[in-house]
Amino acid sequence: MMDQLRFILAAVLTCAGLFVLVTAVLGLFRFRYSLNRIHASSLADTLGILLMLAGLMLAFGADTAVLKLLAVIAFLWLTSPVSSHLIGRLEVTVNDDLDRYMKVDDPEAVRREKEGDA
């Protein structure tokens, strides 16, 4: 009985993580500009990865694989925001028509970023 309950809960967590990741991919196709795409994907991948790996940890039970999955979660939670931030900064420095595509609240900060004074 407990194995069936654990399997059902693991399947629900894994399917919920899959749903979040699929909606993130749809967000990538819906938005036109890279900064909007980064926003849609970087927020959803953190939750999606957590749910998927939580389902896997529940499916494995008390095993050493759970420690490895916790290390994967920690690594992804540390690197995903950093990589999204760097991609966003690259877009700001490379795209000269940024104000044409979206509202720029602080054009002086964009100028400093392009000149490398930030």
N, C-alpha and C. Protein backbone atom coordinates (compact mmCIF):
# COMPACT_ATOMS: atom_id res chain seq x y z
N MET A 1 0.81 -1.20 0.00
CA MET A 1 0.00 0.00 0.00
C MET A 1 0.86 1.26 0.00
N MET A 2 1.90 1.27 0.81
CA MET A 2 2.78 2.44 0.87
C MET A 2 3.58 2.62 -0.41
N ASP A 3 3.94 1.51 -1.04
CA ASP A 3 4.66 1.61 -2.31
C ASP A 3 3.78 2.21 -3.40
N GLN A 4 2.51 1.84 -3.41
CA GLN A 4 1.60 2.42 -4.39
C GLN A 4 1.39 3.91 -4.15
N LEU A 5 1.26 4.30 -2.90
CA LEU A 5 1.09 5.71 -2.57
C LEU A 5 2.33 6.51 -2.94
N ARG A 6 3.49 5.94 -2.66
CA ARG A 6 4.75 6.61 -3.02
C ARG A 6 4.88 6.73 -4.54
N PHE A 7 4.50 5.69 -5.26
CA PHE A 7 4.53 5.74 -6.72
C PHE A 7 3.59 6.80 -7.27
N ILE A 8 2.38 6.87 -6.73
CA ILE A 8 1.40 7.85 -7.20
C ILE A 8 1.89 9.27 -6.92
N LEU A 9 2.42 9.51 -5.73
CA LEU A 9 2.92 10.84 -5.40
C LEU A 9 4.12 11.22 -6.25
N ALA A 10 5.00 10.25 -6.51
CA ALA A 10 6.15 10.51 -7.38
C ALA A 10 5.69 10.82 -8.80
N ALA A 11 4.69 10.10 -9.28
CA ALA A 11 4.16 10.36 -10.63
C ALA A 11 3.50 11.72 -10.71
N VAL A 12 2.78 12.11 -9.67
CA VAL A 12 2.12 13.43 -9.66
C VAL A 12 3.17 14.54 -9.67
N LEU A 13 4.20 14.41 -8.84
CA LEU A 13 5.27 15.42 -8.81
C LEU A 13 5.99 15.50 -10.15
N THR A 14 6.29 14.37 -10.74
CA THR A 14 6.98 14.35 -12.02
C THR A 14 6.11 14.95 -13.13
N CYS A 15 4.84 14.62 -13.14
CA CYS A 15 3.93 15.19 -14.15
C CYS A 15 3.74 16.69 -13.95
N ALA A 16 3.70 17.14 -12.70
CA ALA A 16 3.59 18.58 -12.42
C ALA A 16 4.84 19.30 -12.91
N GLY A 17 6.01 18.72 -12.68
CA GLY A 17 7.25 19.31 -13.18
C GLY A 17 7.28 19.34 -14.69
N LEU A 18 6.81 18.30 -15.32
CA LEU A 18 6.74 18.26 -16.78
C LEU A 18 5.80 19.34 -17.31
N PHE A 19 4.66 19.52 -16.64
CA PHE A 19 3.71 20.56 -17.05
C PHE A 19 4.35 21.95 -16.96
N VAL A 20 5.06 22.22 -15.88
CA VAL A 20 5.70 23.53 -15.71
C VAL A 20 6.75 23.75 -16.79
N LEU A 21 7.54 22.73 -17.09
CA LEU A 21 8.58 22.87 -18.12
C LEU A 21 7.98 23.04 -19.52
N VAL A 22 6.89 22.36 -19.80
CA VAL A 22 6.24 22.50 -21.10
C VAL A 22 5.65 23.90 -21.25
N THR A 23 5.06 24.44 -20.18
CA THR A 23 4.54 25.81 -20.27
C THR A 23 5.67 26.82 -20.43
N ALA A 24 6.84 26.53 -19.88
CA ALA A 24 7.99 27.41 -20.09
C ALA A 24 8.42 27.41 -21.56
N VAL A 25 8.39 26.26 -22.18
CA VAL A 25 8.74 26.16 -23.60
C VAL A 25 7.71 26.92 -24.44
N LEU A 26 6.44 26.82 -24.08
CA LEU A 26 5.42 27.59 -24.79
C LEU A 26 5.65 29.09 -24.61
N GLY A 27 6.11 29.49 -23.43
CA GLY A 27 6.44 30.90 -23.21
C GLY A 27 7.58 31.36 -24.09
N LEU A 28 8.52 30.46 -24.37
CA LEU A 28 9.61 30.81 -25.27
C LEU A 28 9.11 31.10 -26.68
N PHE A 29 8.11 30.36 -27.12
CA PHE A 29 7.57 30.59 -28.45
C PHE A 29 6.61 31.77 -28.49
N ARG A 30 5.99 32.09 -27.37
CA ARG A 30 4.99 33.15 -27.35
C ARG A 30 5.64 34.53 -27.40
N PHE A 31 6.71 34.72 -26.67
CA PHE A 31 7.33 36.04 -26.60
C PHE A 31 8.27 36.26 -27.78
N ARG A 32 8.43 37.53 -28.18
CA ARG A 32 9.22 37.84 -29.36
C ARG A 32 10.66 38.20 -29.04
N TYR A 33 10.91 38.75 -27.87
CA TYR A 33 12.23 39.30 -27.59
C TYR A 33 12.94 38.48 -26.53
N SER A 34 14.25 38.50 -26.61
CA SER A 34 15.04 37.59 -25.79
C SER A 34 14.91 37.86 -24.30
N LEU A 35 14.79 39.10 -23.88
CA LEU A 35 14.66 39.38 -22.45
C LEU A 35 13.33 38.85 -21.91
N ASN A 36 12.29 38.92 -22.70
CA ASN A 36 11.01 38.34 -22.28
C ASN A 36 11.10 36.82 -22.24
N ARG A 37 11.80 36.25 -23.17
CA ARG A 37 11.97 34.79 -23.19
C ARG A 37 12.77 34.31 -22.00
N ILE A 38 13.79 35.07 -21.65
CA ILE A 38 14.59 34.71 -20.48
C ILE A 38 13.72 34.73 -19.24
N HIS A 39 12.88 35.73 -19.12
CA HIS A 39 12.01 35.85 -17.95
C HIS A 39 11.07 34.65 -17.86
N ALA A 40 10.47 34.28 -18.97
CA ALA A 40 9.52 33.16 -18.96
C ALA A 40 10.20 31.84 -18.64
N SER A 41 11.36 31.62 -19.19
CA SER A 41 12.01 30.32 -18.99
C SER A 41 12.75 30.22 -17.67
N SER A 42 13.38 31.28 -17.22
CA SER A 42 14.19 31.17 -16.00
C SER A 42 13.34 31.04 -14.75
N LEU A 43 12.15 31.61 -14.76
CA LEU A 43 11.29 31.44 -13.60
C LEU A 43 10.69 30.04 -13.54
N ALA A 44 10.34 29.51 -14.68
CA ALA A 44 9.67 28.21 -14.70
C ALA A 44 10.63 27.04 -14.57
N ASP A 45 11.85 27.18 -15.05
CA ASP A 45 12.74 26.02 -14.99
C ASP A 45 13.14 25.69 -13.57
N THR A 46 13.20 26.68 -12.70
CA THR A 46 13.55 26.40 -11.31
C THR A 46 12.48 25.54 -10.65
N LEU A 47 11.23 25.91 -10.81
CA LEU A 47 10.14 25.13 -10.23
C LEU A 47 9.98 23.79 -10.92
N GLY A 48 10.08 23.77 -12.23
CA GLY A 48 9.94 22.51 -12.96
C GLY A 48 11.00 21.49 -12.60
N ILE A 49 12.24 21.96 -12.49
CA ILE A 49 13.33 21.05 -12.13
C ILE A 49 13.15 20.54 -10.71
N LEU A 50 12.71 21.42 -9.80
CA LEU A 50 12.48 20.99 -8.42
C LEU A 50 11.42 19.91 -8.35
N LEU A 51 10.30 20.11 -9.05
CA LEU A 51 9.23 19.12 -9.02
C LEU A 51 9.65 17.80 -9.65
N MET A 52 10.34 17.87 -10.79
CA MET A 52 10.79 16.64 -11.44
C MET A 52 11.76 15.85 -10.55
N LEU A 53 12.73 16.53 -9.99
CA LEU A 53 13.72 15.84 -9.18
C LEU A 53 13.14 15.39 -7.84
N ALA A 54 12.16 16.13 -7.31
CA ALA A 54 11.48 15.68 -6.08
C ALA A 54 10.71 14.39 -6.36
N GLY A 55 10.08 14.30 -7.51
CA GLY A 55 9.41 13.05 -7.88
C GLY A 55 10.39 11.90 -8.02
N LEU A 56 11.55 12.17 -8.60
CA LEU A 56 12.56 11.12 -8.72
C LEU A 56 13.10 10.70 -7.36
N MET A 57 13.31 11.67 -6.47
CA MET A 57 13.80 11.34 -5.14
C MET A 57 12.79 10.50 -4.38
N LEU A 58 11.52 10.82 -4.54
CA LEU A 58 10.48 10.03 -3.89
C LEU A 58 10.41 8.63 -4.49
N ALA A 59 10.64 8.52 -5.77
CA ALA A 59 10.61 7.20 -6.42
C ALA A 59 11.78 6.33 -5.99
N PHE A 60 12.94 6.94 -5.78
CA PHE A 60 14.12 6.17 -5.36
C PHE A 60 14.04 5.72 -3.91
N GLY A 61 13.38 6.47 -3.07
CA GLY A 61 13.33 6.14 -1.65
C GLY A 61 14.62 6.56 -0.97
N ALA A 62 14.94 5.90 0.13
CA ALA A 62 16.15 6.23 0.88
C ALA A 62 17.33 5.53 0.21
N ASP A 63 18.04 6.27 -0.62
CA ASP A 63 19.15 5.70 -1.39
C ASP A 63 20.21 6.78 -1.56
N THR A 64 21.38 6.39 -1.97
CA THR A 64 22.44 7.38 -2.20
C THR A 64 22.15 8.23 -3.43
N ALA A 65 21.28 7.75 -4.30
CA ALA A 65 20.90 8.54 -5.48
C ALA A 65 20.18 9.82 -5.07
N VAL A 66 19.50 9.79 -3.92
CA VAL A 66 18.80 10.98 -3.44
C VAL A 66 19.81 12.09 -3.13
N LEU A 67 20.94 11.74 -2.55
CA LEU A 67 21.98 12.74 -2.27
C LEU A 67 22.52 13.34 -3.57
N LYS A 68 22.67 12.51 -4.57
CA LYS A 68 23.13 13.02 -5.87
C LYS A 68 22.10 13.95 -6.49
N LEU A 69 20.82 13.60 -6.38
CA LEU A 69 19.78 14.46 -6.91
C LEU A 69 19.70 15.79 -6.15
N LEU A 70 19.94 15.77 -4.85
CA LEU A 70 20.00 17.02 -4.08
C LEU A 70 21.17 17.88 -4.55
N ALA A 71 22.29 17.25 -4.88
CA ALA A 71 23.42 18.01 -5.41
C ALA A 71 23.09 18.61 -6.77
N VAL A 72 22.35 17.88 -7.60
CA VAL A 72 21.93 18.40 -8.91
C VAL A 72 21.00 19.60 -8.72
N ILE A 73 20.06 19.50 -7.78
CA ILE A 73 19.15 20.62 -7.50
C ILE A 73 19.94 21.84 -7.06
N ALA A 74 20.88 21.65 -6.14
CA ALA A 74 21.67 22.78 -5.66
C ALA A 74 22.48 23.40 -6.79
N PHE A 75 23.09 22.57 -7.62
CA PHE A 75 23.88 23.08 -8.74
C PHE A 75 23.01 23.87 -9.72
N LEU A 76 21.86 23.34 -10.08
CA LEU A 76 20.98 24.02 -11.03
C LEU A 76 20.40 25.30 -10.44
N TRP A 77 20.08 25.31 -9.16
CA TRP A 77 19.54 26.52 -8.55
C TRP A 77 20.59 27.61 -8.43
N LEU A 78 21.85 27.23 -8.38
CA LEU A 78 22.92 28.24 -8.34
C LEU A 78 23.29 28.74 -9.72
N THR A 79 23.28 27.88 -10.71
CA THR A 79 23.76 28.28 -12.03
C THR A 79 22.68 28.86 -12.94
N SER A 80 21.44 28.46 -12.79
CA SER A 80 20.39 28.95 -13.68
C SER A 80 20.17 30.46 -13.58
N PRO A 81 20.04 31.04 -12.39
CA PRO A 81 19.88 32.49 -12.34
C PRO A 81 21.11 33.25 -12.83
N VAL A 82 22.28 32.72 -12.58
CA VAL A 82 23.50 33.39 -13.02
C VAL A 82 23.58 33.40 -14.55
N SER A 83 23.28 32.27 -15.17
CA SER A 83 23.34 32.22 -16.63
C SER A 83 22.25 33.09 -17.25
N SER A 84 21.07 33.13 -16.67
CA SER A 84 20.01 34.01 -17.19
C SER A 84 20.41 35.47 -17.07
N HIS A 85 21.03 35.83 -15.98
CA HIS A 85 21.48 37.21 -15.79
C HIS A 85 22.55 37.59 -16.82
N LEU A 86 23.49 36.69 -17.06
CA LEU A 86 24.54 36.98 -18.03
C LEU A 86 24.00 37.08 -19.45
N ILE A 87 23.04 36.25 -19.79
CA ILE A 87 22.43 36.34 -21.12
C ILE A 87 21.66 37.65 -21.26
N GLY A 88 20.98 38.07 -20.20
CA GLY A 88 20.27 39.34 -20.23
C GLY A 88 21.22 40.52 -20.38
N ARG A 89 22.35 40.49 -19.66
CA ARG A 89 23.33 41.56 -19.80
C ARG A 89 23.92 41.59 -21.20
N LEU A 90 24.14 40.42 -21.77
CA LEU A 90 24.66 40.37 -23.14
C LEU A 90 23.67 41.00 -24.11
N GLU A 91 22.39 40.73 -23.93
CA GLU A 91 21.37 41.32 -24.80
C GLU A 91 21.36 42.84 -24.67
N VAL A 92 21.51 43.34 -23.47
CA VAL A 92 21.52 44.80 -23.27
C VAL A 92 22.73 45.43 -23.94
N THR A 93 23.87 44.78 -23.86
CA THR A 93 25.08 45.38 -24.44
C THR A 93 25.13 45.25 -25.96
N VAL A 94 24.54 44.23 -26.52
CA VAL A 94 24.63 43.99 -27.96
C VAL A 94 23.51 44.68 -28.74
N ASN A 95 22.31 44.70 -28.19
CA ASN A 95 21.14 45.20 -28.92
C ASN A 95 21.10 46.72 -28.86
N ASP A 96 21.31 47.37 -29.99
CA ASP A 96 21.26 48.83 -30.05
C ASP A 96 19.84 49.36 -30.12
N ASP A 97 18.90 48.54 -30.52
CA ASP A 97 17.50 48.96 -30.65
C ASP A 97 16.65 48.47 -29.48
N LEU A 98 17.24 48.39 -28.31
CA LEU A 98 16.52 47.86 -27.16
C LEU A 98 15.30 48.70 -26.81
N ASP A 99 15.41 50.02 -26.90
CA ASP A 99 14.27 50.88 -26.57
C ASP A 99 13.15 50.79 -27.60
N ARG A 100 13.45 50.30 -28.78
CA ARG A 100 12.41 50.12 -29.79
C ARG A 100 11.56 48.88 -29.49
N TYR A 101 12.18 47.88 -28.87
CA TYR A 101 11.49 46.63 -28.60
C TYR A 101 10.75 46.62 -27.27
N MET A 102 11.22 47.38 -26.31
CA MET A 102 10.61 47.36 -24.98
C MET A 102 10.85 48.68 -24.27
N LYS A 103 10.16 48.87 -23.18
CA LYS A 103 10.30 50.10 -22.42
C LYS A 103 11.59 50.04 -21.61
N VAL A 104 12.42 51.06 -21.76
CA VAL A 104 13.66 51.15 -21.01
C VAL A 104 13.46 52.21 -19.94
N ASP A 105 13.48 51.80 -18.68
CA ASP A 105 13.25 52.74 -17.59
C ASP A 105 14.46 53.61 -17.29
N ASP A 106 15.64 53.06 -17.48
CA ASP A 106 16.86 53.80 -17.14
C ASP A 106 17.84 53.75 -18.31
N PRO A 107 17.68 54.65 -19.29
CA PRO A 107 18.57 54.62 -20.45
C PRO A 107 20.02 54.93 -20.08
N GLU A 108 20.23 55.66 -18.99
CA GLU A 108 21.59 55.96 -18.54
C GLU A 108 22.30 54.67 -18.08
N ALA A 109 21.58 53.78 -17.41
CA ALA A 109 22.17 52.51 -16.98
C ALA A 109 22.50 51.65 -18.19
N VAL A 110 21.67 51.68 -19.22
CA VAL A 110 21.94 50.92 -20.45
C VAL A 110 23.20 51.47 -21.11
N ARG A 111 23.34 52.80 -21.15
CA ARG A 111 24.52 53.42 -21.75
C ARG A 111 25.78 53.02 -20.97
N ARG A 112 25.70 53.04 -19.64
CA ARG A 112 26.86 52.65 -18.81
C ARG A 112 27.22 51.18 -19.03
N GLU A 113 26.21 50.35 -19.18
CA GLU A 113 26.45 48.92 -19.41
C GLU A 113 27.14 48.71 -20.75
N LYS A 114 26.73 49.43 -21.78
CA LYS A 114 27.34 49.30 -23.10
C LYS A 114 28.78 49.80 -23.11
N GLU A 115 29.06 50.82 -22.33
CA GLU A 115 30.42 51.37 -22.27
C GLU A 115 31.31 50.60 -21.31
N GLY A 116 30.73 49.72 -20.50
CA GLY A 116 31.52 48.95 -19.56
C GLY A 116 31.79 49.67 -18.25
N ASP A 117 30.99 50.69 -17.94
CA ASP A 117 31.18 51.43 -16.70
C ASP A 117 30.34 50.88 -15.56
N ALA A 118 29.52 49.88 -15.82
CA ALA A 118 28.59 49.40 -14.79
C ALA A 118 29.25 48.67 -13.72
